[in-house]
């Protein structure tokens, strides 16, 4: 994530809070529908993983674990 430089966005600094909506920027697991563009809501924050619920896509309402990609 530190290598991503997107015009108009600040550098990578994950200041997430529980309840915050997030959008995936990479394909994590295409077989279960975790593709770029999917929207999630943060449920829990761990040291190296984010627990989130899908709010769009094929598996709405399912809980997924997203690793921190640093």
PDB file of N, CA and C in Angstrom:
ATOM      1  N   UNK A   1       0.811  -1.193   0.000  1.00  0.00           N
ATOM      2  CA  UNK A   1       0.000   0.000   0.000  1.00  0.00           C
ATOM      3  C   UNK A   1       0.858   1.263   0.000  1.00  0.00           C
ATOM      4  N   UNK A   2       2.037   1.211   0.619  1.00  0.00           N
ATOM      5  CA  UNK A   2       2.881   2.395   0.648  1.00  0.00           C
ATOM      6  C   UNK A   2       3.373   2.771  -0.744  1.00  0.00           C
ATOM      7  N   UNK A   3       3.395   1.805  -1.665  1.00  0.00           N
ATOM      8  CA  UNK A   3       3.890   2.075  -3.007  1.00  0.00           C
ATOM      9  C   UNK A   3       2.830   2.731  -3.892  1.00  0.00           C
ATOM     10  N   UNK A   4       1.566   2.726  -3.488  1.00  0.00           N
ATOM     11  CA  UNK A   4       0.511   3.318  -4.300  1.00  0.00           C
ATOM     12  C   UNK A   4       0.557   4.834  -4.211  1.00  0.00           C
ATOM     13  N   UNK A   5       0.650   5.474  -5.349  1.00  0.00           N
ATOM     14  CA  UNK A   5       0.623   6.932  -5.429  1.00  0.00           C
ATOM     15  C   UNK A   5      -0.516   7.292  -6.378  1.00  0.00           C
ATOM     16  N   UNK A   6      -1.644   7.734  -5.815  1.00  0.00           N
ATOM     17  CA  UNK A   6      -2.819   8.061  -6.610  1.00  0.00           C
ATOM     18  C   UNK A   6      -3.009   9.568  -6.596  1.00  0.00           C
ATOM     19  N   UNK A   7      -3.092  10.148  -7.773  1.00  0.00           N
ATOM     20  CA  UNK A   7      -3.257  11.589  -7.899  1.00  0.00           C
ATOM     21  C   UNK A   7      -4.553  12.029  -7.213  1.00  0.00           C
ATOM     22  N   UNK A   8      -4.464  12.995  -6.349  1.00  0.00           N
ATOM     23  CA  UNK A   8      -5.636  13.518  -5.668  1.00  0.00           C
ATOM     24  C   UNK A   8      -5.910  12.877  -4.319  1.00  0.00           C
ATOM     25  N   UNK A   9      -5.173  11.816  -3.959  1.00  0.00           N
ATOM     26  CA  UNK A   9      -5.347  11.175  -2.659  1.00  0.00           C
ATOM     27  C   UNK A   9      -4.064  11.302  -1.853  1.00  0.00           C
ATOM     28  N   UNK A  10      -4.203  11.394  -0.541  1.00  0.00           N
ATOM     29  CA  UNK A  10      -3.014  11.467   0.299  1.00  0.00           C
ATOM     30  C   UNK A  10      -2.338  10.104   0.355  1.00  0.00           C
ATOM     31  N   UNK A  11      -1.085  10.067   0.826  1.00  0.00           N
ATOM     32  CA  UNK A  11      -0.350   8.814   0.943  1.00  0.00           C
ATOM     33  C   UNK A  11      -1.052   7.878   1.916  1.00  0.00           C
ATOM     34  N   UNK A  12      -0.719   6.597   1.818  1.00  0.00           N
ATOM     35  CA  UNK A  12      -1.332   5.566   2.633  1.00  0.00           C
ATOM     36  C   UNK A  12      -1.131   5.832   4.124  1.00  0.00           C
ATOM     37  N   UNK A  13      -2.212   5.965   4.843  1.00  0.00           N
ATOM     38  CA  UNK A  13      -2.183   6.146   6.291  1.00  0.00           C
ATOM     39  C   UNK A  13      -3.487   5.575   6.830  1.00  0.00           C
ATOM     40  N   UNK A  14      -3.491   4.289   7.265  1.00  0.00           N
ATOM     41  CA  UNK A  14      -4.753   3.644   7.646  1.00  0.00           C
ATOM     42  C   UNK A  14      -5.287   4.104   8.991  1.00  0.00           C
ATOM     43  N   UNK A  15      -6.113   5.124   8.975  1.00  0.00           N
ATOM     44  CA  UNK A  15      -6.780   5.609  10.187  1.00  0.00           C
ATOM     45  C   UNK A  15      -8.232   5.163  10.135  1.00  0.00           C
ATOM     46  N   UNK A  16      -8.447   3.864  10.291  1.00  0.00           N
ATOM     47  CA  UNK A  16      -9.790   3.319  10.215  1.00  0.00           C
ATOM     48  C   UNK A  16     -10.433   3.299  11.587  1.00  0.00           C
ATOM     49  N   UNK A  17     -11.755   3.374  11.591  1.00  0.00           N
ATOM     50  CA  UNK A  17     -12.524   3.258  12.815  1.00  0.00           C
ATOM     51  C   UNK A  17     -13.636   2.254  12.570  1.00  0.00           C
ATOM     52  N   UNK A  18     -14.125   1.647  13.644  1.00  0.00           N
ATOM     53  CA  UNK A  18     -15.249   0.723  13.529  1.00  0.00           C
ATOM     54  C   UNK A  18     -16.453   1.485  12.999  1.00  0.00           C
ATOM     55  N   UNK A  19     -17.109   0.920  11.993  1.00  0.00           N
ATOM     56  CA  UNK A  19     -18.260   1.557  11.367  1.00  0.00           C
ATOM     57  C   UNK A  19     -17.927   2.346  10.117  1.00  0.00           C
ATOM     58  N   UNK A  20     -16.640   2.472   9.802  1.00  0.00           N
ATOM     59  CA  UNK A  20     -16.229   3.241   8.627  1.00  0.00           C
ATOM     60  C   UNK A  20     -16.423   2.411   7.355  1.00  0.00           C
ATOM     61  N   UNK A  21     -17.002   3.003   6.307  1.00  0.00           N
ATOM     62  CA  UNK A  21     -17.099   2.287   5.030  1.00  0.00           C
ATOM     63  C   UNK A  21     -15.757   2.341   4.303  1.00  0.00           C
ATOM     64  N   UNK A  22     -15.361   1.234   3.688  1.00  0.00           N
ATOM     65  CA  UNK A  22     -14.115   1.168   2.933  1.00  0.00           C
ATOM     66  C   UNK A  22     -14.385   0.520   1.583  1.00  0.00           C
ATOM     67  N   UNK A  23     -13.515   0.790   0.631  1.00  0.00           N
ATOM     68  CA  UNK A  23     -13.590   0.191  -0.699  1.00  0.00           C
ATOM     69  C   UNK A  23     -12.296  -0.551  -0.955  1.00  0.00           C
ATOM     70  N   UNK A  24     -12.407  -1.794  -1.431  1.00  0.00           N
ATOM     71  CA  UNK A  24     -11.212  -2.566  -1.763  1.00  0.00           C
ATOM     72  C   UNK A  24     -10.571  -1.989  -3.016  1.00  0.00           C
ATOM     73  N   UNK A  25      -9.244  -1.870  -3.012  1.00  0.00           N
ATOM     74  CA  UNK A  25      -8.519  -1.364  -4.169  1.00  0.00           C
ATOM     75  C   UNK A  25      -7.787  -2.465  -4.919  1.00  0.00           C
ATOM     76  N   UNK A  26      -7.788  -3.680  -4.362  1.00  0.00           N
ATOM     77  CA  UNK A  26      -7.118  -4.814  -4.996  1.00  0.00           C
ATOM     78  C   UNK A  26      -8.007  -6.039  -4.939  1.00  0.00           C
ATOM     79  N   UNK A  27      -7.750  -6.983  -5.828  1.00  0.00           N
ATOM     80  CA  UNK A  27      -8.444  -8.265  -5.784  1.00  0.00           C
ATOM     81  C   UNK A  27      -7.757  -9.107  -4.716  1.00  0.00           C
ATOM     82  N   UNK A  28      -8.496  -9.450  -3.655  1.00  0.00           N
ATOM     83  CA  UNK A  28      -7.935 -10.259  -2.577  1.00  0.00           C
ATOM     84  C   UNK A  28      -8.247 -11.738  -2.772  1.00  0.00           C
ATOM     85  N   UNK A  29      -9.493 -12.058  -3.092  1.00  0.00           N
ATOM     86  CA  UNK A  29      -9.894 -13.445  -3.306  1.00  0.00           C
ATOM     87  C   UNK A  29     -11.097 -13.433  -4.237  1.00  0.00           C
ATOM     88  N   UNK A  30     -10.852 -13.619  -5.500  1.00  0.00           N
ATOM     89  CA  UNK A  30     -11.906 -13.509  -6.498  1.00  0.00           C
ATOM     90  C   UNK A  30     -12.947 -14.620  -6.358  1.00  0.00           C
ATOM     91  N   UNK A  31     -12.551 -15.788  -5.848  1.00  0.00           N
ATOM     92  CA  UNK A  31     -13.486 -16.904  -5.736  1.00  0.00           C
ATOM     93  C   UNK A  31     -14.601 -16.640  -4.724  1.00  0.00           C
ATOM     94  N   UNK A  32     -14.336 -15.816  -3.705  1.00  0.00           N
ATOM     95  CA  UNK A  32     -15.393 -15.479  -2.748  1.00  0.00           C
ATOM     96  C   UNK A  32     -15.921 -14.057  -2.954  1.00  0.00           C
ATOM     97  N   UNK A  33     -15.495 -13.402  -4.020  1.00  0.00           N
ATOM     98  CA  UNK A  33     -16.041 -12.104  -4.383  1.00  0.00           C
ATOM     99  C   UNK A  33     -15.341 -10.902  -3.801  1.00  0.00           C
ATOM    100  N   UNK A  34     -14.130 -11.053  -3.269  1.00  0.00           N
ATOM    101  CA  UNK A  34     -13.389  -9.906  -2.745  1.00  0.00           C
ATOM    102  C   UNK A  34     -12.551  -9.291  -3.857  1.00  0.00           C
ATOM    103  N   UNK A  35     -13.192  -8.448  -4.651  1.00  0.00           N
ATOM    104  CA  UNK A  35     -12.553  -7.821  -5.811  1.00  0.00           C
ATOM    105  C   UNK A  35     -12.481  -6.315  -5.594  1.00  0.00           C
ATOM    106  N   UNK A  36     -11.654  -5.667  -6.411  1.00  0.00           N
ATOM    107  CA  UNK A  36     -11.543  -4.221  -6.287  1.00  0.00           C
ATOM    108  C   UNK A  36     -12.885  -3.574  -6.615  1.00  0.00           C
ATOM    109  N   UNK A  37     -13.249  -2.602  -5.783  1.00  0.00           N
ATOM    110  CA  UNK A  37     -14.527  -1.917  -5.934  1.00  0.00           C
ATOM    111  C   UNK A  37     -15.569  -2.369  -4.930  1.00  0.00           C
ATOM    112  N   UNK A  38     -15.357  -3.513  -4.262  1.00  0.00           N
ATOM    113  CA  UNK A  38     -16.315  -3.969  -3.255  1.00  0.00           C
ATOM    114  C   UNK A  38     -16.306  -3.022  -2.068  1.00  0.00           C
ATOM    115  N   UNK A  39     -17.491  -2.800  -1.514  1.00  0.00           N
ATOM    116  CA  UNK A  39     -17.619  -1.913  -0.361  1.00  0.00           C
ATOM    117  C   UNK A  39     -17.847  -2.743   0.889  1.00  0.00           C
ATOM    118  N   UNK A  40     -17.159  -2.353   1.967  1.00  0.00           N
ATOM    119  CA  UNK A  40     -17.234  -3.059   3.244  1.00  0.00           C
ATOM    120  C   UNK A  40     -17.416  -2.038   4.358  1.00  0.00           C
ATOM    121  N   UNK A  41     -17.961  -2.504   5.502  1.00  0.00           N
ATOM    122  CA  UNK A  41     -18.035  -1.681   6.706  1.00  0.00           C
ATOM    123  C   UNK A  41     -17.198  -2.365   7.774  1.00  0.00           C
ATOM    124  N   UNK A  42     -16.302  -1.623   8.392  1.00  0.00           N
ATOM    125  CA  UNK A  42     -15.383  -2.164   9.393  1.00  0.00           C
ATOM    126  C   UNK A  42     -16.164  -2.559  10.646  1.00  0.00           C
ATOM    127  N   UNK A  43     -15.988  -3.828  11.080  1.00  0.00           N
ATOM    128  CA  UNK A  43     -16.632  -4.334  12.301  1.00  0.00           C
ATOM    129  C   UNK A  43     -15.677  -4.351  13.481  1.00  0.00           C
ATOM    130  N   UNK A  44     -14.462  -4.847  13.249  1.00  0.00           N
ATOM    131  CA  UNK A  44     -13.448  -4.941  14.303  1.00  0.00           C
ATOM    132  C   UNK A  44     -12.096  -4.649  13.689  1.00  0.00           C
ATOM    133  N   UNK A  45     -11.184  -4.149  14.529  1.00  0.00           N
ATOM    134  CA  UNK A  45      -9.825  -3.884  14.099  1.00  0.00           C
ATOM    135  C   UNK A  45      -8.881  -4.766  14.903  1.00  0.00           C
ATOM    136  N   UNK A  46      -8.030  -5.524  14.200  1.00  0.00           N
ATOM    137  CA  UNK A  46      -7.007  -6.317  14.860  1.00  0.00           C
ATOM    138  C   UNK A  46      -5.640  -5.707  14.604  1.00  0.00           C
ATOM    139  N   UNK A  47      -4.596  -6.372  15.073  1.00  0.00           N
ATOM    140  CA  UNK A  47      -3.247  -5.868  14.847  1.00  0.00           C
ATOM    141  C   UNK A  47      -2.869  -5.911  13.370  1.00  0.00           C
ATOM    142  N   UNK A  48      -3.202  -7.016  12.697  1.00  0.00           N
ATOM    143  CA  UNK A  48      -2.814  -7.170  11.292  1.00  0.00           C
ATOM    144  C   UNK A  48      -3.975  -7.557  10.389  1.00  0.00           C
ATOM    145  N   UNK A  49      -5.188  -7.443  10.902  1.00  0.00           N
ATOM    146  CA  UNK A  49      -6.349  -7.841  10.107  1.00  0.00           C
ATOM    147  C   UNK A  49      -7.533  -6.934  10.453  1.00  0.00           C
ATOM    148  N   UNK A  50      -8.390  -6.723   9.463  1.00  0.00           N
ATOM    149  CA  UNK A  50      -9.604  -5.940   9.641  1.00  0.00           C
ATOM    150  C   UNK A  50     -10.788  -6.871   9.412  1.00  0.00           C
ATOM    151  N   UNK A  51     -11.691  -6.914  10.361  1.00  0.00           N
ATOM    152  CA  UNK A  51     -12.914  -7.702  10.255  1.00  0.00           C
ATOM    153  C   UNK A  51     -13.990  -6.768   9.720  1.00  0.00           C
ATOM    154  N   UNK A  52     -14.590  -7.127   8.579  1.00  0.00           N
ATOM    155  CA  UNK A  52     -15.554  -6.226   7.944  1.00  0.00           C
ATOM    156  C   UNK A  52     -16.729  -7.007   7.379  1.00  0.00           C
ATOM    157  N   UNK A  53     -17.859  -6.305   7.174  1.00  0.00           N
ATOM    158  CA  UNK A  53     -19.041  -6.895   6.557  1.00  0.00           C
ATOM    159  C   UNK A  53     -19.223  -6.288   5.172  1.00  0.00           C
ATOM    160  N   UNK A  54     -19.592  -7.133   4.226  1.00  0.00           N
ATOM    161  CA  UNK A  54     -19.813  -6.660   2.859  1.00  0.00           C
ATOM    162  C   UNK A  54     -21.145  -5.931   2.777  1.00  0.00           C
ATOM    163  N   UNK A  55     -21.159  -4.789   2.079  1.00  0.00           N
ATOM    164  CA  UNK A  55     -22.399  -4.041   1.884  1.00  0.00           C
ATOM    165  C   UNK A  55     -22.794  -3.975   0.421  1.00  0.00           C
ATOM    166  N   UNK A  56     -21.968  -4.568  -0.452  1.00  0.00           N
ATOM    167  CA  UNK A  56     -22.333  -4.692  -1.856  1.00  0.00           C
ATOM    168  C   UNK A  56     -21.597  -5.894  -2.434  1.00  0.00           C
ATOM    169  N   UNK A  57     -21.985  -6.312  -3.592  1.00  0.00           N
ATOM    170  CA  UNK A  57     -21.359  -7.473  -4.203  1.00  0.00           C
ATOM    171  C   UNK A  57     -22.219  -8.711  -4.031  1.00  0.00           C
ATOM    172  N   UNK A  58     -21.678  -9.869  -4.383  1.00  0.00           N
ATOM    173  CA  UNK A  58     -22.476 -11.091  -4.362  1.00  0.00           C
ATOM    174  C   UNK A  58     -22.763 -11.642  -2.966  1.00  0.00           C
ATOM    175  N   UNK A  59     -22.000 -11.244  -1.957  1.00  0.00           N
ATOM    176  CA  UNK A  59     -22.143 -11.806  -0.611  1.00  0.00           C
ATOM    177  C   UNK A  59     -22.491 -10.744   0.422  1.00  0.00           C
ATOM    178  N   UNK A  60     -23.560  -9.998   0.189  1.00  0.00           N
ATOM    179  CA  UNK A  60     -23.955  -8.911   1.086  1.00  0.00           C
ATOM    180  C   UNK A  60     -24.253  -9.471   2.478  1.00  0.00           C
ATOM    181  N   UNK A  61     -23.695  -8.822   3.494  1.00  0.00           N
ATOM    182  CA  UNK A  61     -23.938  -9.214   4.873  1.00  0.00           C
ATOM    183  C   UNK A  61     -22.942 -10.202   5.445  1.00  0.00           C
ATOM    184  N   UNK A  62     -22.117 -10.812   4.611  1.00  0.00           N
ATOM    185  CA  UNK A  62     -21.133 -11.770   5.104  1.00  0.00           C
ATOM    186  C   UNK A  62     -19.943 -11.053   5.719  1.00  0.00           C
ATOM    187  N   UNK A  63     -19.374 -11.672   6.752  1.00  0.00           N
ATOM    188  CA  UNK A  63     -18.191 -11.131   7.419  1.00  0.00           C
ATOM    189  C   UNK A  63     -16.947 -11.674   6.745  1.00  0.00           C
ATOM    190  N   UNK A  64     -16.000 -10.799   6.456  1.00  0.00           N
ATOM    191  CA  UNK A  64     -14.741 -11.190   5.821  1.00  0.00           C
ATOM    192  C   UNK A  64     -13.581 -10.618   6.626  1.00  0.00           C
ATOM    193  N   UNK A  65     -12.442 -11.280   6.527  1.00  0.00           N
ATOM    194  CA  UNK A  65     -11.205 -10.808   7.152  1.00  0.00           C
ATOM    195  C   UNK A  65     -10.298 -10.266   6.064  1.00  0.00           C
ATOM    196  N   UNK A  66      -9.879  -9.033   6.209  1.00  0.00           N
ATOM    197  CA  UNK A  66      -9.016  -8.387   5.218  1.00  0.00           C
ATOM    198  C   UNK A  66      -7.659  -8.140   5.872  1.00  0.00           C
ATOM    199  N   UNK A  67      -6.586  -8.718   5.335  1.00  0.00           N
ATOM    200  CA  UNK A  67      -5.271  -8.481   5.931  1.00  0.00           C
ATOM    201  C   UNK A  67      -4.779  -7.072   5.623  1.00  0.00           C
ATOM    202  N   UNK A  68      -4.001  -6.516   6.543  1.00  0.00           N
ATOM    203  CA  UNK A  68      -3.368  -5.239   6.281  1.00  0.00           C
ATOM    204  C   UNK A  68      -2.240  -5.480   5.299  1.00  0.00           C
ATOM    205  N   UNK A  69      -2.238  -4.757   4.221  1.00  0.00           N
ATOM    206  CA  UNK A  69      -1.219  -4.943   3.174  1.00  0.00           C
ATOM    207  C   UNK A  69      -0.221  -3.798   3.268  1.00  0.00           C
ATOM    208  N   UNK A  70       0.748  -3.933   4.178  1.00  0.00           N
ATOM    209  CA  UNK A  70       1.743  -2.880   4.307  1.00  0.00           C
ATOM    210  C   UNK A  70       3.086  -3.372   3.840  1.00  0.00           C
TER     211      UNK A  70
END
